[in-house]
C-alpha cells in the first residue's frame, strides 16, 4: 500500500511540475504564432504601399510625357507658322539611361529647300 501511495504522489508531483511548465510554454508558443501573423501582415502592408507608390509614379510619368508631347506639338505649330520648310516633329521620351542627351527632347524636322536634306533641331 505504501508503495502505491508513493507512486501516486510521484505522479501527482510530476503532473504539478508539468502544469507549472505548460503555462509558460503555451504563452511562448502563442507569442510566436501571434508575432508571426503580425510580421506577415506588416510585410503585406508594406508591399501594398510600395505597389501604390509604383502605380502613382507610373501615372505621374505618363502625365509628364503627355504634357511634354503637347509642348512639343505647340513648338512644331509655332515653327510651321513661321517657316515653310517645317516637315515634322518628334518627341523623344525620357529613357532609363539618365545620361542620354537625346532623352526628353522635342525634335523639329526641317527640310532644306536647296539640298533636300533634313535638318533636326532639338528643343
PDB file of N, CA and C in Angstrom:
ATOM      1  N   UNK A   1       0.802  -1.188   0.000  1.00  0.00           N
ATOM      2  CA  UNK A   1       0.000   0.000   0.000  1.00  0.00           C
ATOM      3  C   UNK A   1       0.851   1.259   0.000  1.00  0.00           C
ATOM      4  N   UNK A   2       1.882   1.258   0.798  1.00  0.00           N
ATOM      5  CA  UNK A   2       2.756   2.424   0.869  1.00  0.00           C
ATOM      6  C   UNK A   2       3.450   2.682  -0.458  1.00  0.00           C
ATOM      7  N   UNK A   3       3.736   1.592  -1.124  1.00  0.00           N
ATOM      8  CA  UNK A   3       4.406   1.739  -2.410  1.00  0.00           C
ATOM      9  C   UNK A   3       3.485   2.401  -3.424  1.00  0.00           C
ATOM     10  N   UNK A   4       2.259   2.025  -3.504  1.00  0.00           N
ATOM     11  CA  UNK A   4       1.278   2.608  -4.438  1.00  0.00           C
ATOM     12  C   UNK A   4       1.059   4.074  -4.103  1.00  0.00           C
ATOM     13  N   UNK A   5       1.031   4.343  -2.798  1.00  0.00           N
ATOM     14  CA  UNK A   5       0.853   5.729  -2.359  1.00  0.00           C
ATOM     15  C   UNK A   5       2.010   6.597  -2.856  1.00  0.00           C
ATOM     16  N   UNK A   6       3.234   6.059  -2.731  1.00  0.00           N
ATOM     17  CA  UNK A   6       4.405   6.818  -3.202  1.00  0.00           C
ATOM     18  C   UNK A   6       4.354   7.017  -4.714  1.00  0.00           C
ATOM     19  N   UNK A   7       3.909   6.006  -5.438  1.00  0.00           N
ATOM     20  CA  UNK A   7       3.801   6.127  -6.904  1.00  0.00           C
ATOM     21  C   UNK A   7       2.801   7.224  -7.256  1.00  0.00           C
ATOM     22  N   UNK A   8       1.649   7.244  -6.588  1.00  0.00           N
ATOM     23  CA  UNK A   8       0.656   8.284  -6.855  1.00  0.00           C
ATOM     24  C   UNK A   8       1.174   9.667  -6.486  1.00  0.00           C
ATOM     25  N   UNK A   9       1.906   9.751  -5.393  1.00  0.00           N
ATOM     26  CA  UNK A   9       2.497  11.033  -5.007  1.00  0.00           C
ATOM     27  C   UNK A   9       3.504  11.505  -6.060  1.00  0.00           C
ATOM     28  N   UNK A  10       4.299  10.547  -6.539  1.00  0.00           N
ATOM     29  CA  UNK A  10       5.282  10.887  -7.572  1.00  0.00           C
ATOM     30  C   UNK A  10       4.577  11.377  -8.839  1.00  0.00           C
ATOM     31  N   UNK A  11       3.533  10.671  -9.222  1.00  0.00           N
ATOM     32  CA  UNK A  11       2.772  11.081 -10.409  1.00  0.00           C
ATOM     33  C   UNK A  11       2.119  12.446 -10.186  1.00  0.00           C
ATOM     34  N   UNK A  12       1.595  12.669  -9.017  1.00  0.00           N
ATOM     35  CA  UNK A  12       0.963  13.951  -8.708  1.00  0.00           C
ATOM     36  C   UNK A  12       1.986  15.076  -8.762  1.00  0.00           C
ATOM     37  N   UNK A  13       3.182  14.833  -8.226  1.00  0.00           N
ATOM     38  CA  UNK A  13       4.241  15.845  -8.275  1.00  0.00           C
ATOM     39  C   UNK A  13       4.677  16.096  -9.723  1.00  0.00           C
ATOM     40  N   UNK A  14       4.779  15.051 -10.526  1.00  0.00           N
ATOM     41  CA  UNK A  14       5.164  15.197 -11.929  1.00  0.00           C
ATOM     42  C   UNK A  14       4.124  16.000 -12.702  1.00  0.00           C
ATOM     43  N   UNK A  15       2.857  15.712 -12.456  1.00  0.00           N
ATOM     44  CA  UNK A  15       1.783  16.465 -13.127  1.00  0.00           C
ATOM     45  C   UNK A  15       1.807  17.919 -12.670  1.00  0.00           C
ATOM     46  N   UNK A  16       2.083  18.166 -11.412  1.00  0.00           N
ATOM     47  CA  UNK A  16       2.157  19.534 -10.904  1.00  0.00           C
ATOM     48  C   UNK A  16       3.308  20.282 -11.561  1.00  0.00           C
ATOM     49  N   UNK A  17       4.457  19.625 -11.695  1.00  0.00           N
ATOM     50  CA  UNK A  17       5.600  20.255 -12.364  1.00  0.00           C
ATOM     51  C   UNK A  17       5.263  20.528 -13.832  1.00  0.00           C
ATOM     52  N   UNK A  18       4.594  19.556 -14.466  1.00  0.00           N
ATOM     53  CA  UNK A  18       4.216  19.712 -15.864  1.00  0.00           C
ATOM     54  C   UNK A  18       3.244  20.880 -16.023  1.00  0.00           C
ATOM     55  N   UNK A  19       2.308  21.027 -15.084  1.00  0.00           N
ATOM     56  CA  UNK A  19       1.362  22.141 -15.131  1.00  0.00           C
ATOM     57  C   UNK A  19       2.085  23.472 -14.964  1.00  0.00           C
ATOM     58  N   UNK A  20       3.088  23.482 -14.091  1.00  0.00           N
ATOM     59  CA  UNK A  20       3.852  24.714 -13.887  1.00  0.00           C
ATOM     60  C   UNK A  20       4.614  25.090 -15.155  1.00  0.00           C
ATOM     61  N   UNK A  21       5.102  24.115 -15.926  1.00  0.00           N
ATOM     62  CA  UNK A  21       5.857  24.376 -17.151  1.00  0.00           C
ATOM     63  C   UNK A  21       4.956  24.621 -18.367  1.00  0.00           C
ATOM     64  N   UNK A  22       3.757  24.070 -18.341  1.00  0.00           N
ATOM     65  CA  UNK A  22       2.905  24.156 -19.520  1.00  0.00           C
ATOM     66  C   UNK A  22       2.398  25.583 -19.760  1.00  0.00           C
ATOM     67  N   UNK A  23       2.110  26.344 -18.737  1.00  0.00           N
ATOM     68  CA  UNK A  23       1.622  27.716 -18.927  1.00  0.00           C
ATOM     69  C   UNK A  23       2.667  28.587 -19.616  1.00  0.00           C
ATOM     70  N   UNK A  24       3.915  28.614 -19.168  1.00  0.00           N
ATOM     71  CA  UNK A  24       4.915  29.399 -19.890  1.00  0.00           C
ATOM     72  C   UNK A  24       5.126  28.904 -21.325  1.00  0.00           C
ATOM     73  N   UNK A  25       5.065  27.577 -21.527  1.00  0.00           N
ATOM     74  CA  UNK A  25       5.238  27.035 -22.875  1.00  0.00           C
ATOM     75  C   UNK A  25       4.099  27.485 -23.788  1.00  0.00           C
ATOM     76  N   UNK A  26       2.889  27.451 -23.284  1.00  0.00           N
ATOM     77  CA  UNK A  26       1.724  27.894 -24.072  1.00  0.00           C
ATOM     78  C   UNK A  26       1.835  29.388 -24.384  1.00  0.00           C
ATOM     79  N   UNK A  27       2.254  30.159 -23.405  1.00  0.00           N
ATOM     80  CA  UNK A  27       2.415  31.606 -23.628  1.00  0.00           C
ATOM     81  C   UNK A  27       3.492  31.851 -24.680  1.00  0.00           C
ATOM     82  N   UNK A  28       4.592  31.123 -24.596  1.00  0.00           N
ATOM     83  CA  UNK A  28       5.681  31.285 -25.564  1.00  0.00           C
ATOM     84  C   UNK A  28       5.223  30.906 -26.979  1.00  0.00           C
ATOM     85  N   UNK A  29       4.563  29.783 -27.113  1.00  0.00           N
ATOM     86  CA  UNK A  29       4.082  29.341 -28.434  1.00  0.00           C
ATOM     87  C   UNK A  29       3.059  30.326 -28.987  1.00  0.00           C
ATOM     88  N   UNK A  30       2.143  30.786 -28.152  1.00  0.00           N
ATOM     89  CA  UNK A  30       1.134  31.742 -28.597  1.00  0.00           C
ATOM     90  C   UNK A  30       1.786  33.056 -29.033  1.00  0.00           C
ATOM     91  N   UNK A  31       2.797  33.484 -28.300  1.00  0.00           N
ATOM     92  CA  UNK A  31       3.508  34.720 -28.663  1.00  0.00           C
ATOM     93  C   UNK A  31       4.198  34.576 -30.012  1.00  0.00           C
ATOM     94  N   UNK A  32       4.815  33.434 -30.243  1.00  0.00           N
ATOM     95  CA  UNK A  32       5.498  33.204 -31.522  1.00  0.00           C
ATOM     96  C   UNK A  32       4.484  33.198 -32.679  1.00  0.00           C
ATOM     97  N   UNK A  33       3.373  32.520 -32.479  1.00  0.00           N
ATOM     98  CA  UNK A  33       2.342  32.456 -33.531  1.00  0.00           C
ATOM     99  C   UNK A  33       1.778  33.843 -33.810  1.00  0.00           C
ATOM    100  N   UNK A  34       1.406  34.570 -32.762  1.00  0.00           N
ATOM    101  CA  UNK A  34       0.851  35.912 -32.953  1.00  0.00           C
ATOM    102  C   UNK A  34       1.875  36.854 -33.573  1.00  0.00           C
ATOM    103  N   UNK A  35       3.129  36.732 -33.132  1.00  0.00           N
ATOM    104  CA  UNK A  35       4.195  37.551 -33.718  1.00  0.00           C
ATOM    105  C   UNK A  35       4.375  37.255 -35.197  1.00  0.00           C
ATOM    106  N   UNK A  36       4.282  35.984 -35.568  1.00  0.00           N
ATOM    107  CA  UNK A  36       4.386  35.598 -36.972  1.00  0.00           C
ATOM    108  C   UNK A  36       3.273  36.199 -37.810  1.00  0.00           C
ATOM    109  N   UNK A  37       2.048  36.148 -37.279  1.00  0.00           N
ATOM    110  CA  UNK A  37       0.923  36.760 -38.003  1.00  0.00           C
ATOM    111  C   UNK A  37       1.095  38.271 -38.130  1.00  0.00           C
ATOM    112  N   UNK A  38       1.540  38.906 -37.082  1.00  0.00           N
ATOM    113  CA  UNK A  38       1.749  40.355 -37.118  1.00  0.00           C
ATOM    114  C   UNK A  38       2.827  40.718 -38.137  1.00  0.00           C
ATOM    115  N   UNK A  39       3.922  39.975 -38.124  1.00  0.00           N
ATOM    116  CA  UNK A  39       5.021  40.213 -39.068  1.00  0.00           C
ATOM    117  C   UNK A  39       4.538  40.038 -40.502  1.00  0.00           C
ATOM    118  N   UNK A  40       3.785  38.977 -40.766  1.00  0.00           N
ATOM    119  CA  UNK A  40       3.275  38.724 -42.116  1.00  0.00           C
ATOM    120  C   UNK A  40       2.337  39.843 -42.560  1.00  0.00           C
ATOM    121  N   UNK A  41       1.498  40.329 -41.653  1.00  0.00           N
ATOM    122  CA  UNK A  41       0.574  41.403 -42.033  1.00  0.00           C
ATOM    123  C   UNK A  41       1.334  42.705 -42.303  1.00  0.00           C
ATOM    124  N   UNK A  42       2.395  42.968 -41.569  1.00  0.00           N
ATOM    125  CA  UNK A  42       3.191  44.173 -41.804  1.00  0.00           C
ATOM    126  C   UNK A  42       3.918  44.099 -43.145  1.00  0.00           C
ATOM    127  N   UNK A  43       4.426  42.938 -43.485  1.00  0.00           N
ATOM    128  CA  UNK A  43       5.085  42.772 -44.783  1.00  0.00           C
ATOM    129  C   UNK A  43       4.069  42.971 -45.909  1.00  0.00           C
ATOM    130  N   UNK A  44       2.892  42.419 -45.750  1.00  0.00           N
ATOM    131  CA  UNK A  44       1.844  42.580 -46.758  1.00  0.00           C
ATOM    132  C   UNK A  44       1.463  44.051 -46.906  1.00  0.00           C
ATOM    133  N   UNK A  45       1.354  44.750 -45.787  1.00  0.00           N
ATOM    134  CA  UNK A  45       1.015  46.173 -45.816  1.00  0.00           C
ATOM    135  C   UNK A  45       2.112  46.972 -46.533  1.00  0.00           C
ATOM    136  N   UNK A  46       3.383  46.663 -46.247  1.00  0.00           N
ATOM    137  CA  UNK A  46       4.500  47.364 -46.878  1.00  0.00           C
ATOM    138  C   UNK A  46       4.505  47.129 -48.380  1.00  0.00           C
ATOM    139  N   UNK A  47       4.261  45.903 -48.807  1.00  0.00           N
ATOM    140  CA  UNK A  47       4.216  45.598 -50.247  1.00  0.00           C
ATOM    141  C   UNK A  47       3.075  46.355 -50.918  1.00  0.00           C
ATOM    142  N   UNK A  48       1.960  46.442 -50.244  1.00  0.00           N
ATOM    143  CA  UNK A  48       0.818  47.171 -50.798  1.00  0.00           C
ATOM    144  C   UNK A  48       1.152  48.651 -50.960  1.00  0.00           C
ATOM    145  N   UNK A  49       1.797  49.235 -49.970  1.00  0.00           N
ATOM    146  CA  UNK A  49       2.193  50.651 -50.043  1.00  0.00           C
ATOM    147  C   UNK A  49       3.178  50.851 -51.191  1.00  0.00           C
ATOM    148  N   UNK A  50       4.132  49.942 -51.342  1.00  0.00           N
ATOM    149  CA  UNK A  50       5.109  50.059 -52.426  1.00  0.00           C
ATOM    150  C   UNK A  50       4.434  49.957 -53.787  1.00  0.00           C
ATOM    151  N   UNK A  51       3.464  49.046 -53.930  1.00  0.00           N
ATOM    152  CA  UNK A  51       2.730  48.924 -55.195  1.00  0.00           C
ATOM    153  C   UNK A  51       1.965  50.206 -55.501  1.00  0.00           C
ATOM    154  N   UNK A  52       1.332  50.785 -54.496  1.00  0.00           N
ATOM    155  CA  UNK A  52       0.594  52.029 -54.703  1.00  0.00           C
ATOM    156  C   UNK A  52       1.533  53.150 -55.138  1.00  0.00           C
ATOM    157  N   UNK A  53       2.717  53.208 -54.544  1.00  0.00           N
ATOM    158  CA  UNK A  53       3.686  54.236 -54.925  1.00  0.00           C
ATOM    159  C   UNK A  53       4.160  54.031 -56.358  1.00  0.00           C
ATOM    160  N   UNK A  54       4.389  52.771 -56.748  1.00  0.00           N
ATOM    161  CA  UNK A  54       4.806  52.496 -58.122  1.00  0.00           C
ATOM    162  C   UNK A  54       3.727  52.907 -59.117  1.00  0.00           C
ATOM    163  N   UNK A  55       2.479  52.611 -58.796  1.00  0.00           N
ATOM    164  CA  UNK A  55       1.367  52.984 -59.669  1.00  0.00           C
ATOM    165  C   UNK A  55       1.269  54.495 -59.785  1.00  0.00           C
ATOM    166  N   UNK A  56       1.427  55.191 -58.657  1.00  0.00           N
ATOM    167  CA  UNK A  56       1.367  56.655 -58.665  1.00  0.00           C
ATOM    168  C   UNK A  56       2.500  57.241 -59.502  1.00  0.00           C
ATOM    169  N   UNK A  57       3.715  56.700 -59.337  1.00  0.00           N
ATOM    170  CA  UNK A  57       4.852  57.206 -60.103  1.00  0.00           C
ATOM    171  C   UNK A  57       4.662  56.950 -61.599  1.00  0.00           C
ATOM    172  N   UNK A  58       4.133  55.793 -61.953  1.00  0.00           N
ATOM    173  CA  UNK A  58       3.882  55.486 -63.363  1.00  0.00           C
ATOM    174  C   UNK A  58       2.845  56.448 -63.934  1.00  0.00           C
ATOM    175  N   UNK A  59       1.811  56.755 -63.162  1.00  0.00           N
ATOM    176  CA  UNK A  59       0.787  57.696 -63.613  1.00  0.00           C
ATOM    177  C   UNK A  59       1.373  59.093 -63.788  1.00  0.00           C
ATOM    178  N   UNK A  60       2.201  59.519 -62.833  1.00  0.00           N
ATOM    179  CA  UNK A  60       2.832  60.837 -62.944  1.00  0.00           C
ATOM    180  C   UNK A  60       3.749  60.906 -64.153  1.00  0.00           C
ATOM    181  N   UNK A  61       4.449  59.804 -64.437  1.00  0.00           N
ATOM    182  CA  UNK A  61       5.332  59.771 -65.606  1.00  0.00           C
ATOM    183  C   UNK A  61       4.525  59.876 -66.893  1.00  0.00           C
ATOM    184  N   UNK A  62       3.392  59.174 -66.951  1.00  0.00           N
ATOM    185  CA  UNK A  62       2.532  59.258 -68.139  1.00  0.00           C
ATOM    186  C   UNK A  62       2.011  60.680 -68.337  1.00  0.00           C
ATOM    187  N   UNK A  63       1.602  61.314 -67.242  1.00  0.00           N
ATOM    188  CA  UNK A  63       1.106  62.687 -67.329  1.00  0.00           C
ATOM    189  C   UNK A  63       2.211  63.632 -67.799  1.00  0.00           C
ATOM    190  N   UNK A  64       3.439  63.433 -67.301  1.00  0.00           N
ATOM    191  CA  UNK A  64       4.567  64.269 -67.695  1.00  0.00           C
ATOM    192  C   UNK A  64       4.852  64.104 -69.194  1.00  0.00           C
ATOM    193  N   UNK A  65       4.850  62.867 -69.663  1.00  0.00           N
ATOM    194  CA  UNK A  65       5.126  62.609 -71.077  1.00  0.00           C
ATOM    195  C   UNK A  65       4.038  63.226 -71.949  1.00  0.00           C
ATOM    196  N   UNK A  66       2.780  63.108 -71.537  1.00  0.00           N
ATOM    197  CA  UNK A  66       1.685  63.709 -72.307  1.00  0.00           C
ATOM    198  C   UNK A  66       1.843  65.226 -72.364  1.00  0.00           C
ATOM    199  N   UNK A  67       2.219  65.833 -71.245  1.00  0.00           N
ATOM    200  CA  UNK A  67       2.432  67.286 -71.201  1.00  0.00           C
ATOM    201  C   UNK A  67       3.565  67.694 -72.140  1.00  0.00           C
ATOM    202  N   UNK A  68       4.678  66.950 -72.091  1.00  0.00           N
ATOM    203  CA  UNK A  68       5.828  67.260 -72.945  1.00  0.00           C
ATOM    204  C   UNK A  68       5.485  67.075 -74.429  1.00  0.00           C
ATOM    205  N   UNK A  69       4.671  66.090 -74.764  1.00  0.00           N
ATOM    206  CA  UNK A  69       4.265  65.881 -76.158  1.00  0.00           C
ATOM    207  C   UNK A  69       3.418  67.054 -76.641  1.00  0.00           C
ATOM    208  N   UNK A  70       2.524  67.538 -75.775  1.00  0.00           N
ATOM    209  CA  UNK A  70       1.705  68.717 -76.145  1.00  0.00           C
ATOM    210  C   UNK A  70       2.597  69.932 -76.357  1.00  0.00           C
ATOM    211  N   UNK A  71       3.577  70.111 -75.460  1.00  0.00           N
ATOM    212  CA  UNK A  71       4.509  71.239 -75.611  1.00  0.00           C
ATOM    213  C   UNK A  71       5.290  71.117 -76.911  1.00  0.00           C
ATOM    214  N   UNK A  72       5.706  69.930 -77.264  1.00  0.00           N
ATOM    215  CA  UNK A  72       6.453  69.703 -78.496  1.00  0.00           C
ATOM    216  C   UNK A  72       5.580  70.019 -79.711  1.00  0.00           C
ATOM    217  N   UNK A  73       4.339  69.594 -79.648  1.00  0.00           N
ATOM    218  CA  UNK A  73       3.429  69.890 -80.759  1.00  0.00           C
ATOM    219  C   UNK A  73       3.209  71.399 -80.882  1.00  0.00           C
ATOM    220  N   UNK A  74       3.111  72.089 -79.758  1.00  0.00           N
ATOM    221  CA  UNK A  74       2.955  73.554 -79.795  1.00  0.00           C
ATOM    222  C   UNK A  74       4.176  74.219 -80.446  1.00  0.00           C
ATOM    223  N   UNK A  75       5.360  73.742 -80.121  1.00  0.00           N
ATOM    224  CA  UNK A  75       6.581  74.276 -80.742  1.00  0.00           C
ATOM    225  C   UNK A  75       6.528  74.027 -82.247  1.00  0.00           C
ATOM    226  N   UNK A  76       6.144  72.816 -82.626  1.00  0.00           N
ATOM    227  CA  UNK A  76       6.023  72.466 -84.048  1.00  0.00           C
ATOM    228  C   UNK A  76       5.054  73.408 -84.756  1.00  0.00           C
ATOM    229  N   UNK A  77       3.917  73.649 -84.152  1.00  0.00           N
ATOM    230  CA  UNK A  77       2.916  74.548 -84.761  1.00  0.00           C
ATOM    231  C   UNK A  77       3.474  75.966 -84.921  1.00  0.00           C
ATOM    232  N   UNK A  78       4.147  76.481 -83.899  1.00  0.00           N
ATOM    233  CA  UNK A  78       4.730  77.826 -83.987  1.00  0.00           C
ATOM    234  C   UNK A  78       5.790  77.898 -85.086  1.00  0.00           C
ATOM    235  N   UNK A  79       6.638  76.886 -85.147  1.00  0.00           N
ATOM    236  CA  UNK A  79       7.679  76.861 -86.174  1.00  0.00           C
ATOM    237  C   UNK A  79       7.059  76.749 -87.572  1.00  0.00           C
ATOM    238  N   UNK A  80       6.020  75.970 -87.714  1.00  0.00           N
ATOM    239  CA  UNK A  80       5.364  75.790 -89.015  1.00  0.00           C
ATOM    240  C   UNK A  80       4.717  77.080 -89.483  1.00  0.00           C
ATOM    241  N   UNK A  81       4.190  77.865 -88.528  1.00  0.00           N
ATOM    242  CA  UNK A  81       3.606  79.165 -88.895  1.00  0.00           C
ATOM    243  C   UNK A  81       4.680  80.138 -89.359  1.00  0.00           C
ATOM    244  N   UNK A  82       5.860  80.036 -88.769  1.00  0.00           N
ATOM    245  CA  UNK A  82       6.951  80.954 -89.088  1.00  0.00           C
ATOM    246  C   UNK A  82       7.717  80.555 -90.344  1.00  0.00           C
ATOM    247  N   UNK A  83       7.933  79.269 -90.540  1.00  0.00           N
ATOM    248  CA  UNK A  83       8.783  78.796 -91.627  1.00  0.00           C
ATOM    249  C   UNK A  83       8.016  77.807 -92.492  1.00  0.00           C
ATOM    250  N   UNK A  84       8.288  77.859 -93.815  1.00  0.00           N
ATOM    251  CA  UNK A  84       7.557  76.977 -94.713  1.00  0.00           C
ATOM    252  C   UNK A  84       8.288  75.652 -94.978  1.00  0.00           C
ATOM    253  N   UNK A  85       9.414  75.432 -94.336  1.00  0.00           N
ATOM    254  CA  UNK A  85      10.155  74.188 -94.551  1.00  0.00           C
ATOM    255  C   UNK A  85      10.070  73.218 -93.375  1.00  0.00           C
ATOM    256  N   UNK A  86       9.141  73.432 -92.479  1.00  0.00           N
ATOM    257  CA  UNK A  86       8.972  72.537 -91.332  1.00  0.00           C
ATOM    258  C   UNK A  86       8.225  71.294 -91.813  1.00  0.00           C
ATOM    259  N   UNK A  87       8.838  70.138 -91.625  1.00  0.00           N
ATOM    260  CA  UNK A  87       8.281  68.887 -92.128  1.00  0.00           C
ATOM    261  C   UNK A  87       7.513  68.096 -91.060  1.00  0.00           C
ATOM    262  N   UNK A  88       8.117  67.952 -89.876  1.00  0.00           N
ATOM    263  CA  UNK A  88       7.521  67.070 -88.874  1.00  0.00           C
ATOM    264  C   UNK A  88       8.107  67.377 -87.496  1.00  0.00           C
ATOM    265  N   UNK A  89       7.596  66.703 -86.516  1.00  0.00           N
ATOM    266  CA  UNK A  89       8.145  66.820 -85.160  1.00  0.00           C
ATOM    267  C   UNK A  89       8.174  65.433 -84.534  1.00  0.00           C
ATOM    268  N   UNK A  90       8.967  65.320 -83.483  1.00  0.00           N
ATOM    269  CA  UNK A  90       9.097  64.050 -82.777  1.00  0.00           C
ATOM    270  C   UNK A  90       9.457  64.356 -81.325  1.00  0.00           C
ATOM    271  N   UNK A  91       8.841  63.621 -80.422  1.00  0.00           N
ATOM    272  CA  UNK A  91       9.192  63.761 -79.008  1.00  0.00           C
ATOM    273  C   UNK A  91       9.946  62.516 -78.584  1.00  0.00           C
ATOM    274  N   UNK A  92      11.135  62.692 -78.044  1.00  0.00           N
ATOM    275  CA  UNK A  92      11.951  61.580 -77.549  1.00  0.00           C
ATOM    276  C   UNK A  92      11.703  61.449 -76.053  1.00  0.00           C
ATOM    277  N   UNK A  93      11.013  60.407 -75.679  1.00  0.00           N
ATOM    278  CA  UNK A  93      10.628  60.216 -74.275  1.00  0.00           C
ATOM    279  C   UNK A  93      11.856  60.014 -73.397  1.00  0.00           C
ATOM    280  N   UNK A  94      11.714  60.326 -72.099  1.00  0.00           N
ATOM    281  CA  UNK A  94      12.836  60.090 -71.174  1.00  0.00           C
ATOM    282  C   UNK A  94      13.214  58.611 -71.186  1.00  0.00           C
ATOM    283  N   UNK A  95      14.505  58.363 -71.204  1.00  0.00           N
ATOM    284  CA  UNK A  95      14.951  56.974 -71.199  1.00  0.00           C
ATOM    285  C   UNK A  95      15.404  56.593 -69.802  1.00  0.00           C
ATOM    286  N   UNK A  96      15.563  55.303 -69.613  1.00  0.00           N
ATOM    287  CA  UNK A  96      16.066  54.821 -68.322  1.00  0.00           C
ATOM    288  C   UNK A  96      17.512  55.221 -68.131  1.00  0.00           C
ATOM    289  N   UNK A  97      18.195  55.454 -69.231  1.00  0.00           N
ATOM    290  CA  UNK A  97      19.587  55.896 -69.165  1.00  0.00           C
ATOM    291  C   UNK A  97      19.591  57.409 -68.953  1.00  0.00           C
ATOM    292  N   UNK A  98      19.819  57.844 -67.734  1.00  0.00           N
ATOM    293  CA  UNK A  98      19.727  59.266 -67.401  1.00  0.00           C
ATOM    294  C   UNK A  98      20.837  60.087 -68.031  1.00  0.00           C
ATOM    295  N   UNK A  99      21.862  59.419 -68.574  1.00  0.00           N
ATOM    296  CA  UNK A  99      22.975  60.147 -69.164  1.00  0.00           C
ATOM    297  C   UNK A  99      22.789  60.390 -70.662  1.00  0.00           C
ATOM    298  N   UNK A 100      21.684  59.913 -71.217  1.00  0.00           N
ATOM    299  CA  UNK A 100      21.438  60.089 -72.643  1.00  0.00           C
ATOM    300  C   UNK A 100      21.034  61.533 -72.914  1.00  0.00           C
ATOM    301  N   UNK A 101      21.758  62.192 -73.815  1.00  0.00           N
ATOM    302  CA  UNK A 101      21.442  63.583 -74.124  1.00  0.00           C
ATOM    303  C   UNK A 101      20.261  63.684 -75.074  1.00  0.00           C
ATOM    304  N   UNK A 102      19.801  62.571 -75.617  1.00  0.00           N
ATOM    305  CA  UNK A 102      18.675  62.594 -76.542  1.00  0.00           C
ATOM    306  C   UNK A 102      17.347  62.266 -75.866  1.00  0.00           C
ATOM    307  N   UNK A 103      17.332  62.103 -74.566  1.00  0.00           N
ATOM    308  CA  UNK A 103      16.073  61.763 -73.915  1.00  0.00           C
ATOM    309  C   UNK A 103      15.357  63.028 -73.454  1.00  0.00           C
ATOM    310  N   UNK A 104      14.045  62.940 -73.448  1.00  0.00           N
ATOM    311  CA  UNK A 104      13.175  64.042 -73.026  1.00  0.00           C
ATOM    312  C   UNK A 104      13.432  65.292 -73.863  1.00  0.00           C
ATOM    313  N   UNK A 105      13.428  65.099 -75.164  1.00  0.00           N
ATOM    314  CA  UNK A 105      13.677  66.205 -76.086  1.00  0.00           C
ATOM    315  C   UNK A 105      12.588  66.258 -77.136  1.00  0.00           C
ATOM    316  N   UNK A 106      12.363  67.473 -77.616  1.00  0.00           N
ATOM    317  CA  UNK A 106      11.461  67.708 -78.741  1.00  0.00           C
ATOM    318  C   UNK A 106      12.341  67.941 -79.966  1.00  0.00           C
ATOM    319  N   UNK A 107      12.010  67.274 -81.052  1.00  0.00           N
ATOM    320  CA  UNK A 107      12.781  67.412 -82.284  1.00  0.00           C
ATOM    321  C   UNK A 107      11.860  67.971 -83.363  1.00  0.00           C
ATOM    322  N   UNK A 108      12.275  69.085 -83.937  1.00  0.00           N
ATOM    323  CA  UNK A 108      11.550  69.650 -85.075  1.00  0.00           C
ATOM    324  C   UNK A 108      12.393  69.337 -86.313  1.00  0.00           C
ATOM    325  N   UNK A 109      11.745  68.814 -87.336  1.00  0.00           N
ATOM    326  CA  UNK A 109      12.456  68.392 -88.539  1.00  0.00           C
ATOM    327  C   UNK A 109      12.134  69.377 -89.664  1.00  0.00           C
ATOM    328  N   UNK A 110      13.200  69.951 -90.199  1.00  0.00           N
ATOM    329  CA  UNK A 110      13.104  70.916 -91.298  1.00  0.00           C
ATOM    330  C   UNK A 110      13.681  70.260 -92.553  1.00  0.00           C
ATOM    331  N   UNK A 111      13.234  70.729 -93.721  1.00  0.00           N
ATOM    332  CA  UNK A 111      13.799  70.240 -94.980  1.00  0.00           C
ATOM    333  C   UNK A 111      14.451  71.412 -95.698  1.00  0.00           C
ATOM    334  N   UNK A 112      15.742  71.255 -95.975  1.00  0.00           N
ATOM    335  CA  UNK A 112      16.491  72.282 -96.705  1.00  0.00           C
ATOM    336  C   UNK A 112      15.985  72.291 -98.146  1.00  0.00           C
ATOM    337  N   UNK A 113      15.446  73.429 -98.596  1.00  0.00           N
ATOM    338  CA  UNK A 113      14.850  73.532 -99.933  1.00  0.00           C
ATOM    339  C   UNK A 113      15.905  73.364-101.034  1.00  0.00           C
ATOM    340  N   UNK A 114      17.128  73.775-100.769  1.00  0.00           N
ATOM    341  CA  UNK A 114      18.170  73.703-101.800  1.00  0.00           C
ATOM    342  C   UNK A 114      18.723  72.286-101.956  1.00  0.00           C
ATOM    343  N   UNK A 115      19.063  71.661-100.843  1.00  0.00           N
ATOM    344  CA  UNK A 115      19.725  70.356-100.906  1.00  0.00           C
ATOM    345  C   UNK A 115      18.756  69.189-100.715  1.00  0.00           C
ATOM    346  N   UNK A 116      17.598  69.423-100.167  1.00  0.00           N
ATOM    347  CA  UNK A 116      16.639  68.356 -99.901  1.00  0.00           C
ATOM    348  C   UNK A 116      16.960  67.557 -98.646  1.00  0.00           C
ATOM    349  N   UNK A 117      17.974  67.983 -97.923  1.00  0.00           N
ATOM    350  CA  UNK A 117      18.359  67.286 -96.697  1.00  0.00           C
ATOM    351  C   UNK A 117      17.435  67.676 -95.548  1.00  0.00           C
ATOM    352  N   UNK A 118      17.304  66.746 -94.628  1.00  0.00           N
ATOM    353  CA  UNK A 118      16.502  67.010 -93.438  1.00  0.00           C
ATOM    354  C   UNK A 118      17.411  67.502 -92.323  1.00  0.00           C
ATOM    355  N   UNK A 119      16.943  68.536 -91.650  1.00  0.00           N
ATOM    356  CA  UNK A 119      17.692  69.121 -90.548  1.00  0.00           C
ATOM    357  C   UNK A 119      16.850  68.938 -89.280  1.00  0.00           C
ATOM    358  N   UNK A 120      17.486  68.465 -88.248  1.00  0.00           N
ATOM    359  CA  UNK A 120      16.790  68.234 -86.984  1.00  0.00           C
ATOM    360  C   UNK A 120      17.252  69.272 -85.961  1.00  0.00           C
ATOM    361  N   UNK A 121      16.294  69.919 -85.355  1.00  0.00           N
ATOM    362  CA  UNK A 121      16.606  70.903 -84.308  1.00  0.00           C
ATOM    363  C   UNK A 121      15.972  70.402 -83.016  1.00  0.00           C
ATOM    364  N   UNK A 122      16.792  70.364 -81.955  1.00  0.00           N
ATOM    365  CA  UNK A 122      16.358  69.812 -80.659  1.00  0.00           C
ATOM    366  C   UNK A 122      15.964  70.942 -79.713  1.00  0.00           C
ATOM    367  N   UNK A 123      14.850  70.742 -79.027  1.00  0.00           N
ATOM    368  CA  UNK A 123      14.384  71.712 -78.030  1.00  0.00           C
ATOM    369  C   UNK A 123      14.291  71.035 -76.693  1.00  0.00           C
TER     370      UNK A 123
END
